[in-house]
Amino acid sequence: MMRILIAALFAVANIAFVQRAARAAKPPWCLITSAGCERCRYNSLDECLRDRVGGGGFCNPNPRYHGEAKPRRPPPPRSRYRH
């Protein structure tokens, strides 16, 4: 019984790690080479443009990148008095 519990905990931890790694593996910029290959591994447009020099192709925003979740701002404080 203990082995099953440990295996289940390991599986859950592994799934959580893989999902986090998958999100991190989608940088915001892609280089589309002149041969039509898509390399989405650039964290900035400048980084993509530097790799493009001499090889042709163009840099494009990664359509699979959704960015980091923006923290929600708390609502403004409500007045204690009604007008």
PDB file of N, CA and C in Angstrom:
ATOM      1  N   MET A   1       0.828  -1.194   0.000  1.00  0.00           N
ATOM      2  CA  MET A   1       0.000   0.000   0.000  1.00  0.00           C
ATOM      3  C   MET A   1       0.872   1.257   0.000  1.00  0.00           C
ATOM      4  N   MET A   2       1.951   1.216   0.769  1.00  0.00           N
ATOM      5  CA  MET A   2       2.845   2.370   0.854  1.00  0.00           C
ATOM      6  C   MET A   2       3.519   2.630  -0.485  1.00  0.00           C
ATOM      7  N   ARG A   3       3.866   1.564  -1.206  1.00  0.00           N
ATOM      8  CA  ARG A   3       4.498   1.733  -2.521  1.00  0.00           C
ATOM      9  C   ARG A   3       3.542   2.412  -3.502  1.00  0.00           C
ATOM     10  N   ILE A   4       2.277   2.047  -3.444  1.00  0.00           N
ATOM     11  CA  ILE A   4       1.290   2.650  -4.340  1.00  0.00           C
ATOM     12  C   ILE A   4       1.149   4.135  -4.029  1.00  0.00           C
ATOM     13  N   LEU A   5       1.119   4.478  -2.761  1.00  0.00           N
ATOM     14  CA  LEU A   5       1.007   5.878  -2.358  1.00  0.00           C
ATOM     15  C   LEU A   5       2.225   6.677  -2.826  1.00  0.00           C
ATOM     16  N   ILE A   6       3.397   6.133  -2.649  1.00  0.00           N
ATOM     17  CA  ILE A   6       4.625   6.812  -3.084  1.00  0.00           C
ATOM     18  C   ILE A   6       4.640   6.948  -4.606  1.00  0.00           C
ATOM     19  N   ALA A   7       4.224   5.912  -5.322  1.00  0.00           N
ATOM     20  CA  ALA A   7       4.187   5.970  -6.774  1.00  0.00           C
ATOM     21  C   ALA A   7       3.184   7.026  -7.250  1.00  0.00           C
ATOM     22  N   ALA A   8       2.046   7.104  -6.589  1.00  0.00           N
ATOM     23  CA  ALA A   8       1.037   8.102  -6.961  1.00  0.00           C
ATOM     24  C   ALA A   8       1.556   9.514  -6.718  1.00  0.00           C
ATOM     25  N   LEU A   9       2.205   9.738  -5.582  1.00  0.00           N
ATOM     26  CA  LEU A   9       2.774  11.051  -5.292  1.00  0.00           C
ATOM     27  C   LEU A   9       3.855  11.420  -6.307  1.00  0.00           C
ATOM     28  N   PHE A  10       4.660  10.454  -6.659  1.00  0.00           N
ATOM     29  CA  PHE A  10       5.708  10.689  -7.658  1.00  0.00           C
ATOM     30  C   PHE A  10       5.087  11.054  -9.006  1.00  0.00           C
ATOM     31  N   ALA A  11       4.027  10.349  -9.390  1.00  0.00           N
ATOM     32  CA  ALA A  11       3.367  10.624 -10.673  1.00  0.00           C
ATOM     33  C   ALA A  11       2.768  12.034 -10.695  1.00  0.00           C
ATOM     34  N   VAL A  12       2.125  12.442  -9.612  1.00  0.00           N
ATOM     35  CA  VAL A  12       1.531  13.777  -9.543  1.00  0.00           C
ATOM     36  C   VAL A  12       2.620  14.844  -9.614  1.00  0.00           C
ATOM     37  N   ALA A  13       3.712  14.657  -8.882  1.00  0.00           N
ATOM     38  CA  ALA A  13       4.812  15.620  -8.914  1.00  0.00           C
ATOM     39  C   ALA A  13       5.428  15.686 -10.311  1.00  0.00           C
ATOM     40  N   ASN A  14       5.550  14.557 -10.962  1.00  0.00           N
ATOM     41  CA  ASN A  14       6.126  14.511 -12.304  1.00  0.00           C
ATOM     42  C   ASN A  14       5.234  15.247 -13.300  1.00  0.00           C
ATOM     43  N   ILE A  15       3.923  15.056 -13.211  1.00  0.00           N
ATOM     44  CA  ILE A  15       2.994  15.738 -14.116  1.00  0.00           C
ATOM     45  C   ILE A  15       3.078  17.248 -13.911  1.00  0.00           C
ATOM     46  N   ALA A  16       3.127  17.689 -12.661  1.00  0.00           N
ATOM     47  CA  ALA A  16       3.218  19.120 -12.380  1.00  0.00           C
ATOM     48  C   ALA A  16       4.512  19.702 -12.960  1.00  0.00           C
ATOM     49  N   PHE A  17       5.609  18.969 -12.829  1.00  0.00           N
ATOM     50  CA  PHE A  17       6.889  19.440 -13.357  1.00  0.00           C
ATOM     51  C   PHE A  17       6.853  19.516 -14.875  1.00  0.00           C
ATOM     52  N   VAL A  18       6.294  18.517 -15.536  1.00  0.00           N
ATOM     53  CA  VAL A  18       6.240  18.487 -16.999  1.00  0.00           C
ATOM     54  C   VAL A  18       5.377  19.634 -17.512  1.00  0.00           C
ATOM     55  N   GLN A  19       4.252  19.922 -16.864  1.00  0.00           N
ATOM     56  CA  GLN A  19       3.409  21.028 -17.307  1.00  0.00           C
ATOM     57  C   GLN A  19       4.120  22.357 -17.166  1.00  0.00           C
ATOM     58  N   ARG A  20       4.842  22.555 -16.074  1.00  0.00           N
ATOM     59  CA  ARG A  20       5.588  23.797 -15.874  1.00  0.00           C
ATOM     60  C   ARG A  20       6.676  23.923 -16.927  1.00  0.00           C
ATOM     61  N   ALA A  21       7.359  22.835 -17.243  1.00  0.00           N
ATOM     62  CA  ALA A  21       8.412  22.869 -18.257  1.00  0.00           C
ATOM     63  C   ALA A  21       7.826  23.144 -19.634  1.00  0.00           C
ATOM     64  N   ALA A  22       6.656  22.614 -19.910  1.00  0.00           N
ATOM     65  CA  ALA A  22       6.031  22.847 -21.213  1.00  0.00           C
ATOM     66  C   ALA A  22       5.663  24.313 -21.382  1.00  0.00           C
ATOM     67  N   ARG A  23       5.174  24.945 -20.319  1.00  0.00           N
ATOM     68  CA  ARG A  23       4.856  26.370 -20.410  1.00  0.00           C
ATOM     69  C   ARG A  23       6.113  27.191 -20.615  1.00  0.00           C
ATOM     70  N   ALA A  24       7.183  26.813 -19.952  1.00  0.00           N
ATOM     71  CA  ALA A  24       8.431  27.564 -20.067  1.00  0.00           C
ATOM     72  C   ALA A  24       9.082  27.354 -21.431  1.00  0.00           C
ATOM     73  N   ALA A  25       8.702  26.292 -22.143  1.00  0.00           N
ATOM     74  CA  ALA A  25       9.331  25.965 -23.418  1.00  0.00           C
ATOM     75  C   ALA A  25       8.727  26.725 -24.588  1.00  0.00           C
ATOM     76  N   LYS A  26       7.831  27.676 -24.334  1.00  0.00           N
ATOM     77  CA  LYS A  26       7.210  28.419 -25.419  1.00  0.00           C
ATOM     78  C   LYS A  26       7.592  29.889 -25.337  1.00  0.00           C
ATOM     79  N   PRO A  27       8.791  30.236 -25.797  1.00  0.00           N
ATOM     80  CA  PRO A  27       9.204  31.640 -25.771  1.00  0.00           C
ATOM     81  C   PRO A  27       8.395  32.477 -26.758  1.00  0.00           C
ATOM     82  N   PRO A  28       8.410  33.795 -26.590  1.00  0.00           N
ATOM     83  CA  PRO A  28       7.517  34.655 -27.364  1.00  0.00           C
ATOM     84  C   PRO A  28       7.889  34.908 -28.829  1.00  0.00           C
ATOM     85  N   TRP A  29       9.081  34.532 -29.291  1.00  0.00           N
ATOM     86  CA  TRP A  29       9.474  34.842 -30.670  1.00  0.00           C
ATOM     87  C   TRP A  29       9.925  33.599 -31.426  1.00  0.00           C
ATOM     88  N   CYS A  30       9.575  33.549 -32.706  1.00  0.00           N
ATOM     89  CA  CYS A  30       9.964  32.449 -33.586  1.00  0.00           C
ATOM     90  C   CYS A  30      10.747  32.997 -34.775  1.00  0.00           C
ATOM     91  N   LEU A  31      11.690  32.229 -35.224  1.00  0.00           N
ATOM     92  CA  LEU A  31      12.405  32.516 -36.471  1.00  0.00           C
ATOM     93  C   LEU A  31      11.850  31.566 -37.520  1.00  0.00           C
ATOM     94  N   ILE A  32      11.311  32.125 -38.583  1.00  0.00           N
ATOM     95  CA  ILE A  32      10.835  31.329 -39.711  1.00  0.00           C
ATOM     96  C   ILE A  32      11.940  31.397 -40.757  1.00  0.00           C
ATOM     97  N   THR A  33      12.613  30.280 -40.983  1.00  0.00           N
ATOM     98  CA  THR A  33      13.755  30.275 -41.898  1.00  0.00           C
ATOM     99  C   THR A  33      13.287  30.341 -43.344  1.00  0.00           C
ATOM    100  N   SER A  34      14.223  30.614 -44.234  1.00  0.00           N
ATOM    101  CA  SER A  34      13.887  30.687 -45.654  1.00  0.00           C
ATOM    102  C   SER A  34      13.445  29.322 -46.182  1.00  0.00           C
ATOM    103  N   ALA A  35      13.797  28.249 -45.491  1.00  0.00           N
ATOM    104  CA  ALA A  35      13.362  26.906 -45.881  1.00  0.00           C
ATOM    105  C   ALA A  35      11.977  26.579 -45.321  1.00  0.00           C
ATOM    106  N   GLY A  36      11.421  27.496 -44.500  1.00  0.00           N
ATOM    107  CA  GLY A  36      10.084  27.287 -43.951  1.00  0.00           C
ATOM    108  C   GLY A  36      10.056  26.635 -42.578  1.00  0.00           C
ATOM    109  N   CYS A  37      11.220  26.403 -41.982  1.00  0.00           N
ATOM    110  CA  CYS A  37      11.273  25.810 -40.643  1.00  0.00           C
ATOM    111  C   CYS A  37      10.957  26.866 -39.594  1.00  0.00           C
ATOM    112  N   GLU A  38      10.283  26.460 -38.545  1.00  0.00           N
ATOM    113  CA  GLU A  38       9.914  27.379 -37.474  1.00  0.00           C
ATOM    114  C   GLU A  38      10.725  27.028 -36.225  1.00  0.00           C
ATOM    115  N   ARG A  39      11.516  27.987 -35.755  1.00  0.00           N
ATOM    116  CA  ARG A  39      12.312  27.801 -34.536  1.00  0.00           C
ATOM    117  C   ARG A  39      11.814  28.780 -33.487  1.00  0.00           C
ATOM    118  N   CYS A  40      11.030  28.309 -32.551  1.00  0.00           N
ATOM    119  CA  CYS A  40      10.462  29.167 -31.506  1.00  0.00           C
ATOM    120  C   CYS A  40      11.276  29.001 -30.228  1.00  0.00           C
ATOM    121  N   ARG A  41      12.356  29.738 -30.146  1.00  0.00           N
ATOM    122  CA  ARG A  41      13.219  29.621 -28.965  1.00  0.00           C
ATOM    123  C   ARG A  41      13.823  30.957 -28.541  1.00  0.00           C
ATOM    124  N   TYR A  42      13.214  32.059 -28.959  1.00  0.00           N
ATOM    125  CA  TYR A  42      13.792  33.374 -28.692  1.00  0.00           C
ATOM    126  C   TYR A  42      12.952  34.144 -27.687  1.00  0.00           C
ATOM    127  N   ASN A  43      13.624  34.720 -26.703  1.00  0.00           N
ATOM    128  CA  ASN A  43      12.941  35.472 -25.655  1.00  0.00           C
ATOM    129  C   ASN A  43      12.757  36.945 -26.002  1.00  0.00           C
ATOM    130  N   SER A  44      13.428  37.407 -27.050  1.00  0.00           N
ATOM    131  CA  SER A  44      13.262  38.803 -27.471  1.00  0.00           C
ATOM    132  C   SER A  44      13.396  38.881 -28.985  1.00  0.00           C
ATOM    133  N   LEU A  45      12.862  39.951 -29.546  1.00  0.00           N
ATOM    134  CA  LEU A  45      12.960  40.164 -30.993  1.00  0.00           C
ATOM    135  C   LEU A  45      14.419  40.352 -31.396  1.00  0.00           C
ATOM    136  N   ASP A  46      15.181  41.082 -30.588  1.00  0.00           N
ATOM    137  CA  ASP A  46      16.606  41.292 -30.906  1.00  0.00           C
ATOM    138  C   ASP A  46      17.368  39.974 -30.985  1.00  0.00           C
ATOM    139  N   GLU A  47      17.078  39.075 -30.062  1.00  0.00           N
ATOM    140  CA  GLU A  47      17.738  37.771 -30.045  1.00  0.00           C
ATOM    141  C   GLU A  47      17.414  37.007 -31.336  1.00  0.00           C
ATOM    142  N   CYS A  48      16.171  37.061 -31.767  1.00  0.00           N
ATOM    143  CA  CYS A  48      15.758  36.392 -33.002  1.00  0.00           C
ATOM    144  C   CYS A  48      16.441  37.029 -34.215  1.00  0.00           C
ATOM    145  N   LEU A  49      16.474  38.363 -34.258  1.00  0.00           N
ATOM    146  CA  LEU A  49      17.090  39.056 -35.397  1.00  0.00           C
ATOM    147  C   LEU A  49      18.586  38.772 -35.497  1.00  0.00           C
ATOM    148  N   ARG A  50      19.272  38.658 -34.355  1.00  0.00           N
ATOM    149  CA  ARG A  50      20.704  38.331 -34.378  1.00  0.00           C
ATOM    150  C   ARG A  50      20.945  36.966 -34.989  1.00  0.00           C
ATOM    151  N   ASP A  51      20.079  35.987 -34.681  1.00  0.00           N
ATOM    152  CA  ASP A  51      20.249  34.637 -35.208  1.00  0.00           C
ATOM    153  C   ASP A  51      19.881  34.575 -36.697  1.00  0.00           C
ATOM    154  N   ARG A  52      19.016  35.480 -37.128  1.00  0.00           N
ATOM    155  CA  ARG A  52      18.553  35.506 -38.517  1.00  0.00           C
ATOM    156  C   ARG A  52      19.611  36.034 -39.469  1.00  0.00           C
ATOM    157  N   VAL A  53      20.495  36.886 -38.988  1.00  0.00           N
ATOM    158  CA  VAL A  53      21.485  37.545 -39.851  1.00  0.00           C
ATOM    159  C   VAL A  53      22.293  36.500 -40.619  1.00  0.00           C
ATOM    160  N   GLY A  54      22.289  36.646 -41.929  1.00  0.00           N
ATOM    161  CA  GLY A  54      23.057  35.744 -42.784  1.00  0.00           C
ATOM    162  C   GLY A  54      22.305  34.498 -43.200  1.00  0.00           C
ATOM    163  N   GLY A  55      21.262  34.142 -42.476  1.00  0.00           N
ATOM    164  CA  GLY A  55      20.546  32.913 -42.799  1.00  0.00           C
ATOM    165  C   GLY A  55      19.224  33.142 -43.511  1.00  0.00           C
ATOM    166  N   GLY A  56      18.769  34.383 -43.547  1.00  0.00           N
ATOM    167  CA  GLY A  56      17.492  34.668 -44.185  1.00  0.00           C
ATOM    168  C   GLY A  56      16.325  34.342 -43.280  1.00  0.00           C
ATOM    169  N   GLY A  57      15.150  34.489 -43.804  1.00  0.00           N
ATOM    170  CA  GLY A  57      13.945  34.232 -43.027  1.00  0.00           C
ATOM    171  C   GLY A  57      13.474  35.490 -42.319  1.00  0.00           C
ATOM    172  N   PHE A  58      12.543  35.324 -41.401  1.00  0.00           N
ATOM    173  CA  PHE A  58      12.019  36.468 -40.665  1.00  0.00           C
ATOM    174  C   PHE A  58      11.588  36.046 -39.272  1.00  0.00           C
ATOM    175  N   CYS A  59      11.473  37.035 -38.393  1.00  0.00           N
ATOM    176  CA  CYS A  59      11.060  36.801 -37.019  1.00  0.00           C
ATOM    177  C   CYS A  59       9.577  37.122 -36.883  1.00  0.00           C
ATOM    178  N   ASN A  60       8.889  36.283 -36.131  1.00  0.00           N
ATOM    179  CA  ASN A  60       7.450  36.388 -36.000  1.00  0.00           C
ATOM    180  C   ASN A  60       7.063  36.115 -34.536  1.00  0.00           C
ATOM    181  N   PRO A  61       6.033  36.780 -34.012  1.00  0.00           N
ATOM    182  CA  PRO A  61       5.584  36.424 -32.658  1.00  0.00           C
ATOM    183  C   PRO A  61       5.105  34.976 -32.628  1.00  0.00           C
ATOM    184  N   ASN A  62       5.400  34.293 -31.555  1.00  0.00           N
ATOM    185  CA  ASN A  62       5.002  32.898 -31.391  1.00  0.00           C
ATOM    186  C   ASN A  62       3.498  32.830 -31.147  1.00  0.00           C
ATOM    187  N   PRO A  63       2.731  32.184 -32.027  1.00  0.00           N
ATOM    188  CA  PRO A  63       1.279  32.119 -31.836  1.00  0.00           C
ATOM    189  C   PRO A  63       0.873  31.256 -30.642  1.00  0.00           C
ATOM    190  N   ARG A  64       1.778  30.420 -30.145  1.00  0.00           N
ATOM    191  CA  ARG A  64       1.470  29.557 -29.000  1.00  0.00           C
ATOM    192  C   ARG A  64       1.885  30.168 -27.665  1.00  0.00           C
ATOM    193  N   TYR A  65       2.478  31.346 -27.704  1.00  0.00           N
ATOM    194  CA  TYR A  65       2.906  32.022 -26.474  1.00  0.00           C
ATOM    195  C   TYR A  65       1.758  32.850 -25.927  1.00  0.00           C
ATOM    196  N   HIS A  66       1.427  32.639 -24.669  1.00  0.00           N
ATOM    197  CA  HIS A  66       0.332  33.379 -24.055  1.00  0.00           C
ATOM    198  C   HIS A  66       0.817  34.321 -22.967  1.00  0.00           C
ATOM    199  N   GLY A  67       2.098  34.359 -22.736  1.00  0.00           N
ATOM    200  CA  GLY A  67       2.640  35.270 -21.732  1.00  0.00           C
ATOM    201  C   GLY A  67       2.358  34.811 -20.311  1.00  0.00           C
ATOM    202  N   GLU A  68       2.911  35.532 -19.408  1.00  0.00           N
ATOM    203  CA  GLU A  68       2.688  35.243 -17.993  1.00  0.00           C
ATOM    204  C   GLU A  68       1.343  35.801 -17.591  1.00  0.00           C
ATOM    205  N   ALA A  69       0.712  35.134 -16.669  1.00  0.00           N
ATOM    206  CA  ALA A  69      -0.576  35.623 -16.174  1.00  0.00           C
ATOM    207  C   ALA A  69      -0.349  36.930 -15.419  1.00  0.00           C
ATOM    208  N   LYS A  70      -1.141  37.918 -15.758  1.00  0.00           N
ATOM    209  CA  LYS A  70      -0.999  39.204 -15.087  1.00  0.00           C
ATOM    210  C   LYS A  70      -1.694  39.140 -13.733  1.00  0.00           C
ATOM    211  N   PRO A  71      -1.027  39.650 -12.706  1.00  0.00           N
ATOM    212  CA  PRO A  71      -1.689  39.643 -11.402  1.00  0.00           C
ATOM    213  C   PRO A  71      -2.888  40.588 -11.422  1.00  0.00           C
ATOM    214  N   ARG A  72      -3.950  40.174 -10.795  1.00  0.00           N
ATOM    215  CA  ARG A  72      -5.146  41.009 -10.754  1.00  0.00           C
ATOM    216  C   ARG A  72      -4.991  42.070  -9.686  1.00  0.00           C
ATOM    217  N   ARG A  73      -5.404  43.282 -10.036  1.00  0.00           N
ATOM    218  CA  ARG A  73      -5.356  44.356  -9.053  1.00  0.00           C
ATOM    219  C   ARG A  73      -6.578  44.252  -8.165  1.00  0.00           C
ATOM    220  N   PRO A  74      -6.423  44.551  -6.893  1.00  0.00           N
ATOM    221  CA  PRO A  74      -7.598  44.535  -6.024  1.00  0.00           C
ATOM    222  C   PRO A  74      -8.532  45.682  -6.394  1.00  0.00           C
ATOM    223  N   PRO A  75      -9.824  45.526  -6.152  1.00  0.00           N
ATOM    224  CA  PRO A  75     -10.744  46.609  -6.481  1.00  0.00           C
ATOM    225  C   PRO A  75     -10.465  47.830  -5.615  1.00  0.00           C
ATOM    226  N   PRO A  76     -10.807  49.021  -6.087  1.00  0.00           N
ATOM    227  CA  PRO A  76     -10.564  50.227  -5.279  1.00  0.00           C
ATOM    228  C   PRO A  76     -11.394  50.153  -3.994  1.00  0.00           C
ATOM    229  N   PRO A  77     -10.891  50.774  -2.950  1.00  0.00           N
ATOM    230  CA  PRO A  77     -11.645  50.734  -1.687  1.00  0.00           C
ATOM    231  C   PRO A  77     -12.996  51.412  -1.844  1.00  0.00           C
ATOM    232  N   ARG A  78     -13.987  50.814  -1.245  1.00  0.00           N
ATOM    233  CA  ARG A  78     -15.324  51.396  -1.291  1.00  0.00           C
ATOM    234  C   ARG A  78     -15.503  52.417  -0.181  1.00  0.00           C
ATOM    235  N   SER A  79     -16.252  53.405  -0.485  1.00  0.00           N
ATOM    236  CA  SER A  79     -16.527  54.444   0.507  1.00  0.00           C
ATOM    237  C   SER A  79     -17.476  53.885   1.558  1.00  0.00           C
ATOM    238  N   ARG A  80     -17.272  54.298   2.789  1.00  0.00           N
ATOM    239  CA  ARG A  80     -18.158  53.850   3.857  1.00  0.00           C
ATOM    240  C   ARG A  80     -19.491  54.592   3.827  1.00  0.00           C
ATOM    241  N   TYR A  81     -19.497  55.695   3.163  1.00  0.00           N
ATOM    242  CA  TYR A  81     -20.699  56.536   3.150  1.00  0.00           C
ATOM    243  C   TYR A  81     -21.363  56.487   1.783  1.00  0.00           C
ATOM    244  N   ARG A  82     -22.653  56.375   1.792  1.00  0.00           N
ATOM    245  CA  ARG A  82     -23.405  56.417   0.520  1.00  0.00           C
ATOM    246  C   ARG A  82     -23.823  57.850   0.255  1.00  0.00           C
ATOM    247  N   HIS A  83     -23.720  58.234  -0.968  1.00  0.00           N
ATOM    248  CA  HIS A  83     -24.079  59.613  -1.331  1.00  0.00           C
ATOM    249  C   HIS A  83     -25.452  59.677  -1.913  1.00  0.00           C
TER     250      HIS A  83
END
